[in-house]
Amino acid sequence: MLSHSKRKITKAERKKLRDSFERDGVLCIEEGMSEINEEELMEEILEGMNRNRVDTWEKKLRMQTLMQETPEALKAITRIKEYAELIVGADYNNPENQKLREFASLTSFPGCKAQCWHRDSTEINAVLITGFMNLYKTKKESGALQVVKGSHKNIKWLEEIKVENINTIEVPAKSLTFIDSRIIHRGGSNTSTCEIRPVIYASFGQGDLKEPGYFLDTNMSGKHRIQPAEN
């Protein structure tokens, strides 16, 4: 887990981060979004829900909406890009794999059931990375992200998920978690009585994979991309 205070890192440290992400398929950066105003982002999420925008829907107390090009949202996506560029590898040298493919929010409310275990892509050579910003402190009880580390390396059908292999990502407010699209993961169940778990997320990579929803406002299409940091 990387600390926000180590944003300026050496080439050796960057290689260690890349190796860790390649091995595990997940990387957490505690408080990596500390300069972002989470309340402004939360207001935008709620505005989208209250207006009943066509890009918002509800399913079992888990709501999703597209993010718009507001000043604070653009600050957030810029920070996600900067961190992503530190950890992605040579597969992202392809210009088509550098493009922003998703920028949306996902909020679970008390009583929300866990998602089914899934991969965002089941293609062996898929190139897609997603960064999740947790607006508030995230605990297991509020529906924290759960992953099976390393599962992006061995893709198969009808895979049994063993309890001992589950990693629950509990992080402070304004932390950032990256996952490889092929890793097995889910949003956990929100068993709390009064806590929500709002996240905004951005995905960069291939635009022709079968499984991803590619939730992106058309006004943002083609405007943002990442490039791997020089080795």
C-alpha atoms as a PDB file:
ATOM      1  CA  MET A   1       0.000   0.000   0.000  1.00  0.00           C
ATOM      2  CA  LEU A   2       1.462   3.352  -1.102  1.00  0.00           C
ATOM      3  CA  SER A   3       1.274   6.430   1.109  1.00  0.00           C
ATOM      4  CA  HIS A   4       0.143   9.727  -0.390  1.00  0.00           C
ATOM      5  CA  SER A   5       3.258  11.362   1.050  1.00  0.00           C
ATOM      6  CA  LYS A   6       5.390   9.361  -1.382  1.00  0.00           C
ATOM      7  CA  ARG A   7       3.899  10.758  -4.598  1.00  0.00           C
ATOM      8  CA  LYS A   8       7.368  11.820  -5.819  1.00  0.00           C
ATOM      9  CA  ILE A   9       9.055   8.454  -6.067  1.00  0.00           C
ATOM     10  CA  THR A  10      12.276   7.115  -7.536  1.00  0.00           C
ATOM     11  CA  LYS A  11      12.513   4.876 -10.591  1.00  0.00           C
ATOM     12  CA  ALA A  12      13.262   1.936  -8.312  1.00  0.00           C
ATOM     13  CA  GLU A  13      10.156   2.610  -6.251  1.00  0.00           C
ATOM     14  CA  ARG A  14       8.091   2.996  -9.406  1.00  0.00           C
ATOM     15  CA  LYS A  15       9.314  -0.369 -10.655  1.00  0.00           C
ATOM     16  CA  LYS A  16       8.367  -1.902  -7.306  1.00  0.00           C
ATOM     17  CA  LEU A  17       4.854  -0.461  -7.645  1.00  0.00           C
ATOM     18  CA  ARG A  18       4.483  -1.783 -11.181  1.00  0.00           C
ATOM     19  CA  ASP A  19       5.740  -5.203 -10.171  1.00  0.00           C
ATOM     20  CA  SER A  20       3.328  -5.269  -7.224  1.00  0.00           C
ATOM     21  CA  PHE A  21       0.373  -4.299  -9.405  1.00  0.00           C
ATOM     22  CA  GLU A  22       1.316  -6.809 -12.077  1.00  0.00           C
ATOM     23  CA  ARG A  23       1.603  -9.552  -9.431  1.00  0.00           C
ATOM     24  CA  ASP A  24      -1.508  -8.780  -7.369  1.00  0.00           C
ATOM     25  CA  GLY A  25      -3.796  -7.012  -9.851  1.00  0.00           C
ATOM     26  CA  VAL A  26      -4.632  -4.441  -7.152  1.00  0.00           C
ATOM     27  CA  LEU A  27      -2.848  -1.482  -5.559  1.00  0.00           C
ATOM     28  CA  CYS A  28      -4.040   0.884  -2.804  1.00  0.00           C
ATOM     29  CA  ILE A  29      -2.839   4.444  -2.281  1.00  0.00           C
ATOM     30  CA  GLU A  30      -3.952   5.688   1.125  1.00  0.00           C
ATOM     31  CA  GLU A  31      -5.279   9.251   1.077  1.00  0.00           C
ATOM     32  CA  GLY A  32      -3.967   9.635  -2.465  1.00  0.00           C
ATOM     33  CA  MET A  33      -6.787  12.068  -3.255  1.00  0.00           C
ATOM     34  CA  SER A  34      -6.328  14.208  -0.150  1.00  0.00           C
ATOM     35  CA  GLU A  35      -6.454  17.528  -2.025  1.00  0.00           C
ATOM     36  CA  ILE A  36      -9.807  16.689  -3.666  1.00  0.00           C
ATOM     37  CA  ASN A  37     -12.989  18.130  -2.128  1.00  0.00           C
ATOM     38  CA  GLU A  38     -15.059  15.020  -1.496  1.00  0.00           C
ATOM     39  CA  GLU A  39     -18.152  16.994  -0.470  1.00  0.00           C
ATOM     40  CA  GLU A  40     -18.322  18.754  -3.845  1.00  0.00           C
ATOM     41  CA  LEU A  41     -18.091  15.388  -5.587  1.00  0.00           C
ATOM     42  CA  MET A  42     -20.779  13.976  -3.300  1.00  0.00           C
ATOM     43  CA  GLU A  43     -23.052  16.923  -4.126  1.00  0.00           C
ATOM     44  CA  GLU A  44     -22.668  16.147  -7.822  1.00  0.00           C
ATOM     45  CA  ILE A  45     -23.504  12.485  -7.237  1.00  0.00           C
ATOM     46  CA  LEU A  46     -26.619  13.420  -5.247  1.00  0.00           C
ATOM     47  CA  GLU A  47     -27.657  15.992  -7.826  1.00  0.00           C
ATOM     48  CA  GLY A  48     -27.563  13.321 -10.486  1.00  0.00           C
ATOM     49  CA  MET A  49     -29.683  11.001  -8.362  1.00  0.00           C
ATOM     50  CA  ASN A  50     -32.199  13.708  -7.433  1.00  0.00           C
ATOM     51  CA  ARG A  51     -32.673  14.842 -11.026  1.00  0.00           C
ATOM     52  CA  ASN A  52     -33.302  11.237 -12.046  1.00  0.00           C
ATOM     53  CA  ARG A  53     -30.938  11.652 -14.975  1.00  0.00           C
ATOM     54  CA  VAL A  54     -31.154   9.019 -17.673  1.00  0.00           C
ATOM     55  CA  ASP A  55     -27.625   7.953 -16.795  1.00  0.00           C
ATOM     56  CA  THR A  56     -28.628   7.080 -13.229  1.00  0.00           C
ATOM     57  CA  TRP A  57     -30.267   3.860 -12.104  1.00  0.00           C
ATOM     58  CA  GLU A  58     -30.923   1.936  -8.938  1.00  0.00           C
ATOM     59  CA  LYS A  59     -30.482  -1.767  -8.250  1.00  0.00           C
ATOM     60  CA  LYS A  60     -30.740  -3.193  -4.770  1.00  0.00           C
ATOM     61  CA  LEU A  61     -29.684   0.037  -3.032  1.00  0.00           C
ATOM     62  CA  ARG A  62     -26.609   0.482  -5.237  1.00  0.00           C
ATOM     63  CA  MET A  63     -26.771   3.553  -7.467  1.00  0.00           C
ATOM     64  CA  GLN A  64     -24.567   4.570 -10.359  1.00  0.00           C
ATOM     65  CA  THR A  65     -24.350   7.765 -12.381  1.00  0.00           C
ATOM     66  CA  LEU A  66     -22.016   9.225 -14.981  1.00  0.00           C
ATOM     67  CA  MET A  67     -19.642  11.932 -13.756  1.00  0.00           C
ATOM     68  CA  GLN A  68     -19.719  15.289 -15.493  1.00  0.00           C
ATOM     69  CA  GLU A  69     -16.938  17.731 -16.408  1.00  0.00           C
ATOM     70  CA  THR A  70     -17.124  19.851 -13.276  1.00  0.00           C
ATOM     71  CA  PRO A  71     -13.959  21.530 -11.937  1.00  0.00           C
ATOM     72  CA  GLU A  72     -13.654  19.185  -8.944  1.00  0.00           C
ATOM     73  CA  ALA A  73     -14.346  16.082 -11.030  1.00  0.00           C
ATOM     74  CA  LEU A  74     -11.628  17.124 -13.473  1.00  0.00           C
ATOM     75  CA  LYS A  75      -9.195  17.595 -10.584  1.00  0.00           C
ATOM     76  CA  ALA A  76     -10.035  14.070  -9.438  1.00  0.00           C
ATOM     77  CA  ILE A  77      -9.550  12.481 -12.834  1.00  0.00           C
ATOM     78  CA  THR A  78      -6.236  14.313 -13.247  1.00  0.00           C
ATOM     79  CA  ARG A  79      -4.970  12.851  -9.973  1.00  0.00           C
ATOM     80  CA  ILE A  80      -6.153   9.358 -10.921  1.00  0.00           C
ATOM     81  CA  LYS A  81      -4.316   9.706 -14.249  1.00  0.00           C
ATOM     82  CA  GLU A  82      -1.091  10.772 -12.545  1.00  0.00           C
ATOM     83  CA  TYR A  83      -1.060   7.745 -10.282  1.00  0.00           C
ATOM     84  CA  ALA A  84      -2.129   5.364 -13.041  1.00  0.00           C
ATOM     85  CA  GLU A  85       0.799   6.482 -15.177  1.00  0.00           C
ATOM     86  CA  LEU A  86       3.171   5.380 -12.431  1.00  0.00           C
ATOM     87  CA  ILE A  87       1.956   1.790 -12.389  1.00  0.00           C
ATOM     88  CA  VAL A  88       0.832   0.821 -15.900  1.00  0.00           C
ATOM     89  CA  GLY A  89       3.242  -1.075 -18.119  1.00  0.00           C
ATOM     90  CA  ALA A  90       4.244  -1.349 -21.763  1.00  0.00           C
ATOM     91  CA  ASP A  91       0.763  -2.497 -22.855  1.00  0.00           C
ATOM     92  CA  TYR A  92      -0.317   1.115 -22.422  1.00  0.00           C
ATOM     93  CA  ASN A  93       2.183   2.410 -24.981  1.00  0.00           C
ATOM     94  CA  ASN A  94      -0.486   1.645 -27.578  1.00  0.00           C
ATOM     95  CA  PRO A  95      -2.435   4.920 -28.053  1.00  0.00           C
ATOM     96  CA  GLU A  96      -5.745   3.021 -28.162  1.00  0.00           C
ATOM     97  CA  ASN A  97      -5.015   1.618 -24.702  1.00  0.00           C
ATOM     98  CA  GLN A  98      -4.396   5.058 -23.196  1.00  0.00           C
ATOM     99  CA  LYS A  99      -7.879   6.494 -23.580  1.00  0.00           C
ATOM    100  CA  LEU A 100     -10.374   7.216 -20.822  1.00  0.00           C
ATOM    101  CA  ARG A 101     -13.138   4.635 -21.135  1.00  0.00           C
ATOM    102  CA  GLU A 102     -15.234   5.148 -17.997  1.00  0.00           C
ATOM    103  CA  PHE A 103     -15.849   7.953 -15.498  1.00  0.00           C
ATOM    104  CA  ALA A 104     -18.739   7.349 -13.145  1.00  0.00           C
ATOM    105  CA  SER A 105     -19.851   7.053  -9.533  1.00  0.00           C
ATOM    106  CA  LEU A 106     -21.110   4.059  -7.598  1.00  0.00           C
ATOM    107  CA  THR A 107     -22.788   4.405  -4.195  1.00  0.00           C
ATOM    108  CA  SER A 108     -23.996   1.639  -1.906  1.00  0.00           C
ATOM    109  CA  PHE A 109     -26.534   2.378   0.821  1.00  0.00           C
ATOM    110  CA  PRO A 110     -27.279   0.540   4.077  1.00  0.00           C
ATOM    111  CA  GLY A 111     -28.884  -2.788   3.282  1.00  0.00           C
ATOM    112  CA  CYS A 112     -27.224  -3.058  -0.115  1.00  0.00           C
ATOM    113  CA  LYS A 113     -26.374  -6.660  -0.924  1.00  0.00           C
ATOM    114  CA  ALA A 114     -22.947  -7.713  -2.139  1.00  0.00           C
ATOM    115  CA  GLN A 115     -22.364  -7.860  -5.870  1.00  0.00           C
ATOM    116  CA  CYS A 116     -21.772 -11.201  -7.494  1.00  0.00           C
ATOM    117  CA  TRP A 117     -18.102 -12.043  -7.859  1.00  0.00           C
ATOM    118  CA  HIS A 118     -17.023 -10.983 -11.318  1.00  0.00           C
ATOM    119  CA  ARG A 119     -14.248  -9.774 -13.588  1.00  0.00           C
ATOM    120  CA  ASP A 120     -14.656  -6.603 -15.626  1.00  0.00           C
ATOM    121  CA  SER A 121     -13.034  -8.529 -18.465  1.00  0.00           C
ATOM    122  CA  THR A 122     -12.526 -12.251 -19.026  1.00  0.00           C
ATOM    123  CA  GLU A 123     -10.198 -11.814 -21.991  1.00  0.00           C
ATOM    124  CA  ILE A 124      -6.751 -13.153 -21.160  1.00  0.00           C
ATOM    125  CA  ASN A 125      -4.880 -10.251 -22.742  1.00  0.00           C
ATOM    126  CA  ALA A 126      -7.288  -7.467 -21.758  1.00  0.00           C
ATOM    127  CA  VAL A 127      -5.708  -4.072 -21.103  1.00  0.00           C
ATOM    128  CA  LEU A 128      -7.877  -1.971 -18.791  1.00  0.00           C
ATOM    129  CA  ILE A 129      -7.107  -0.362 -15.430  1.00  0.00           C
ATOM    130  CA  THR A 130      -9.647   1.213 -13.078  1.00  0.00           C
ATOM    131  CA  GLY A 131      -8.960   3.639 -10.243  1.00  0.00           C
ATOM    132  CA  PHE A 132     -11.569   3.934  -7.473  1.00  0.00           C
ATOM    133  CA  MET A 133     -11.615   7.024  -5.241  1.00  0.00           C
ATOM    134  CA  ASN A 134     -13.301   6.288  -1.910  1.00  0.00           C
ATOM    135  CA  LEU A 135     -14.848   9.576  -0.848  1.00  0.00           C
ATOM    136  CA  TYR A 136     -15.272   8.501   2.789  1.00  0.00           C
ATOM    137  CA  LYS A 137     -13.586   6.076   5.158  1.00  0.00           C
ATOM    138  CA  THR A 138     -14.402   2.596   3.928  1.00  0.00           C
ATOM    139  CA  LYS A 139     -14.910  -0.430   6.167  1.00  0.00           C
ATOM    140  CA  LYS A 140     -16.159  -3.936   5.523  1.00  0.00           C
ATOM    141  CA  GLU A 141     -19.493  -3.027   7.115  1.00  0.00           C
ATOM    142  CA  SER A 142     -20.072  -0.209   4.612  1.00  0.00           C
ATOM    143  CA  GLY A 143     -19.563  -2.472   1.613  1.00  0.00           C
ATOM    144  CA  ALA A 144     -15.826  -2.221   0.962  1.00  0.00           C
ATOM    145  CA  LEU A 145     -14.322  -3.505  -2.268  1.00  0.00           C
ATOM    146  CA  GLN A 146     -13.257  -7.151  -2.065  1.00  0.00           C
ATOM    147  CA  VAL A 147     -10.720  -8.768  -4.393  1.00  0.00           C
ATOM    148  CA  VAL A 148      -8.954 -12.062  -4.975  1.00  0.00           C
ATOM    149  CA  LYS A 149      -5.336 -11.035  -5.411  1.00  0.00           C
ATOM    150  CA  GLY A 150      -3.538 -12.535  -8.375  1.00  0.00           C
ATOM    151  CA  SER A 151      -6.717 -13.905  -9.967  1.00  0.00           C
ATOM    152  CA  HIS A 152      -6.078 -11.829 -13.118  1.00  0.00           C
ATOM    153  CA  LYS A 153      -3.247 -14.257 -13.896  1.00  0.00           C
ATOM    154  CA  ASN A 154      -5.396 -17.370 -14.117  1.00  0.00           C
ATOM    155  CA  ILE A 155      -8.718 -16.800 -15.868  1.00  0.00           C
ATOM    156  CA  LYS A 156     -11.124 -19.724 -15.842  1.00  0.00           C
ATOM    157  CA  TRP A 157     -14.847 -20.389 -15.610  1.00  0.00           C
ATOM    158  CA  LEU A 158     -16.794 -21.586 -12.572  1.00  0.00           C
ATOM    159  CA  GLU A 159     -13.964 -20.708 -10.248  1.00  0.00           C
ATOM    160  CA  GLU A 160     -14.486 -21.375  -6.549  1.00  0.00           C
ATOM    161  CA  ILE A 161     -13.874 -18.348  -4.334  1.00  0.00           C
ATOM    162  CA  LYS A 162     -12.235 -19.488  -1.117  1.00  0.00           C
ATOM    163  CA  VAL A 163     -12.761 -17.332   1.958  1.00  0.00           C
ATOM    164  CA  GLU A 164      -9.066 -17.346   2.812  1.00  0.00           C
ATOM    165  CA  ASN A 165      -8.251 -15.778  -0.574  1.00  0.00           C
ATOM    166  CA  ILE A 166     -10.594 -12.798  -0.182  1.00  0.00           C
ATOM    167  CA  ASN A 167      -8.992  -9.423   0.527  1.00  0.00           C
ATOM    168  CA  THR A 168     -11.287  -6.691   1.852  1.00  0.00           C
ATOM    169  CA  ILE A 169      -9.992  -3.210   1.010  1.00  0.00           C
ATOM    170  CA  GLU A 170     -10.576  -1.038   4.086  1.00  0.00           C
ATOM    171  CA  VAL A 171      -9.067   2.414   3.557  1.00  0.00           C
ATOM    172  CA  PRO A 172      -9.172   5.978   4.936  1.00  0.00           C
ATOM    173  CA  ALA A 173     -11.249   8.677   3.273  1.00  0.00           C
ATOM    174  CA  LYS A 174     -10.038   9.968  -0.094  1.00  0.00           C
ATOM    175  CA  SER A 175      -7.945   6.871  -0.785  1.00  0.00           C
ATOM    176  CA  LEU A 176      -7.406   5.427  -4.233  1.00  0.00           C
ATOM    177  CA  THR A 177      -7.523   1.761  -5.253  1.00  0.00           C
ATOM    178  CA  PHE A 178      -6.475   0.487  -8.681  1.00  0.00           C
ATOM    179  CA  ILE A 179      -7.520  -2.877 -10.098  1.00  0.00           C
ATOM    180  CA  ASP A 180      -6.714  -4.817 -13.247  1.00  0.00           C
ATOM    181  CA  SER A 181      -9.958  -5.435 -15.157  1.00  0.00           C
ATOM    182  CA  ARG A 182      -9.329  -9.195 -15.104  1.00  0.00           C
ATOM    183  CA  ILE A 183      -9.146  -9.550 -11.317  1.00  0.00           C
ATOM    184  CA  ILE A 184     -12.030 -11.224  -9.475  1.00  0.00           C
ATOM    185  CA  HIS A 185     -13.750  -8.622  -7.322  1.00  0.00           C
ATOM    186  CA  ARG A 186     -17.030  -7.288  -6.014  1.00  0.00           C
ATOM    187  CA  GLY A 187     -18.551  -4.483  -3.974  1.00  0.00           C
ATOM    188  CA  GLY A 188     -19.319  -5.969  -0.571  1.00  0.00           C
ATOM    189  CA  SER A 189     -22.623  -5.879   1.291  1.00  0.00           C
ATOM    190  CA  ASN A 190     -23.411  -2.727   3.255  1.00  0.00           C
ATOM    191  CA  THR A 191     -24.469  -4.138   6.628  1.00  0.00           C
ATOM    192  CA  SER A 192     -24.254  -0.788   8.415  1.00  0.00           C
ATOM    193  CA  THR A 193     -27.316   1.104   9.578  1.00  0.00           C
ATOM    194  CA  CYS A 194     -26.286   4.623   8.608  1.00  0.00           C
ATOM    195  CA  GLU A 195     -23.158   4.629   6.408  1.00  0.00           C
ATOM    196  CA  ILE A 196     -22.939   4.977   2.640  1.00  0.00           C
ATOM    197  CA  ARG A 197     -19.996   4.021   0.461  1.00  0.00           C
ATOM    198  CA  PRO A 198     -19.648   6.468  -2.439  1.00  0.00           C
ATOM    199  CA  VAL A 199     -16.835   6.045  -4.938  1.00  0.00           C
ATOM    200  CA  ILE A 200     -15.982   7.666  -8.224  1.00  0.00           C
ATOM    201  CA  TYR A 201     -13.997   5.651 -10.708  1.00  0.00           C
ATOM    202  CA  ALA A 202     -12.122   6.117 -13.949  1.00  0.00           C
ATOM    203  CA  SER A 203     -10.991   3.402 -16.356  1.00  0.00           C
ATOM    204  CA  PHE A 204      -8.316   3.602 -19.022  1.00  0.00           C
ATOM    205  CA  GLY A 205      -7.468   1.008 -21.667  1.00  0.00           C
ATOM    206  CA  GLN A 206      -9.053  -0.932 -24.492  1.00  0.00           C
ATOM    207  CA  GLY A 207     -12.397   0.212 -25.824  1.00  0.00           C
ATOM    208  CA  ASP A 208     -13.443  -3.019 -27.497  1.00  0.00           C
ATOM    209  CA  LEU A 209     -13.725  -5.475 -24.602  1.00  0.00           C
ATOM    210  CA  LYS A 210     -17.002  -7.369 -24.226  1.00  0.00           C
ATOM    211  CA  GLU A 211     -17.813  -7.085 -20.524  1.00  0.00           C
ATOM    212  CA  PRO A 212     -17.195  -3.478 -19.402  1.00  0.00           C
ATOM    213  CA  GLY A 213     -20.168  -1.130 -19.436  1.00  0.00           C
ATOM    214  CA  TYR A 214     -18.006   1.763 -20.664  1.00  0.00           C
ATOM    215  CA  PHE A 215     -19.935   4.309 -18.616  1.00  0.00           C
ATOM    216  CA  LEU A 216     -18.674   7.645 -19.933  1.00  0.00           C
ATOM    217  CA  ASP A 217     -20.429  10.909 -20.660  1.00  0.00           C
ATOM    218  CA  THR A 218     -20.218  11.576 -24.399  1.00  0.00           C
ATOM    219  CA  ASN A 219     -18.835  15.066 -23.709  1.00  0.00           C
ATOM    220  CA  MET A 220     -15.707  13.465 -22.213  1.00  0.00           C
ATOM    221  CA  SER A 221     -15.047  10.989 -25.000  1.00  0.00           C
ATOM    222  CA  GLY A 222     -11.525  11.347 -26.391  1.00  0.00           C
ATOM    223  CA  LYS A 223     -10.502  14.113 -23.967  1.00  0.00           C
ATOM    224  CA  HIS A 224      -8.346  12.241 -21.451  1.00  0.00           C
ATOM    225  CA  ARG A 225      -5.611   9.631 -21.742  1.00  0.00           C
ATOM    226  CA  ILE A 226      -2.696   8.194 -19.798  1.00  0.00           C
ATOM    227  CA  GLN A 227       0.868   7.439 -20.820  1.00  0.00           C
ATOM    228  CA  PRO A 228       3.242   5.152 -18.923  1.00  0.00           C
ATOM    229  CA  ALA A 229       5.930   7.010 -17.005  1.00  0.00           C
ATOM    230  CA  GLU A 230       9.409   6.573 -18.436  1.00  0.00           C
ATOM    231  CA  ASN A 231      11.379   3.717 -16.933  1.00  0.00           C
END
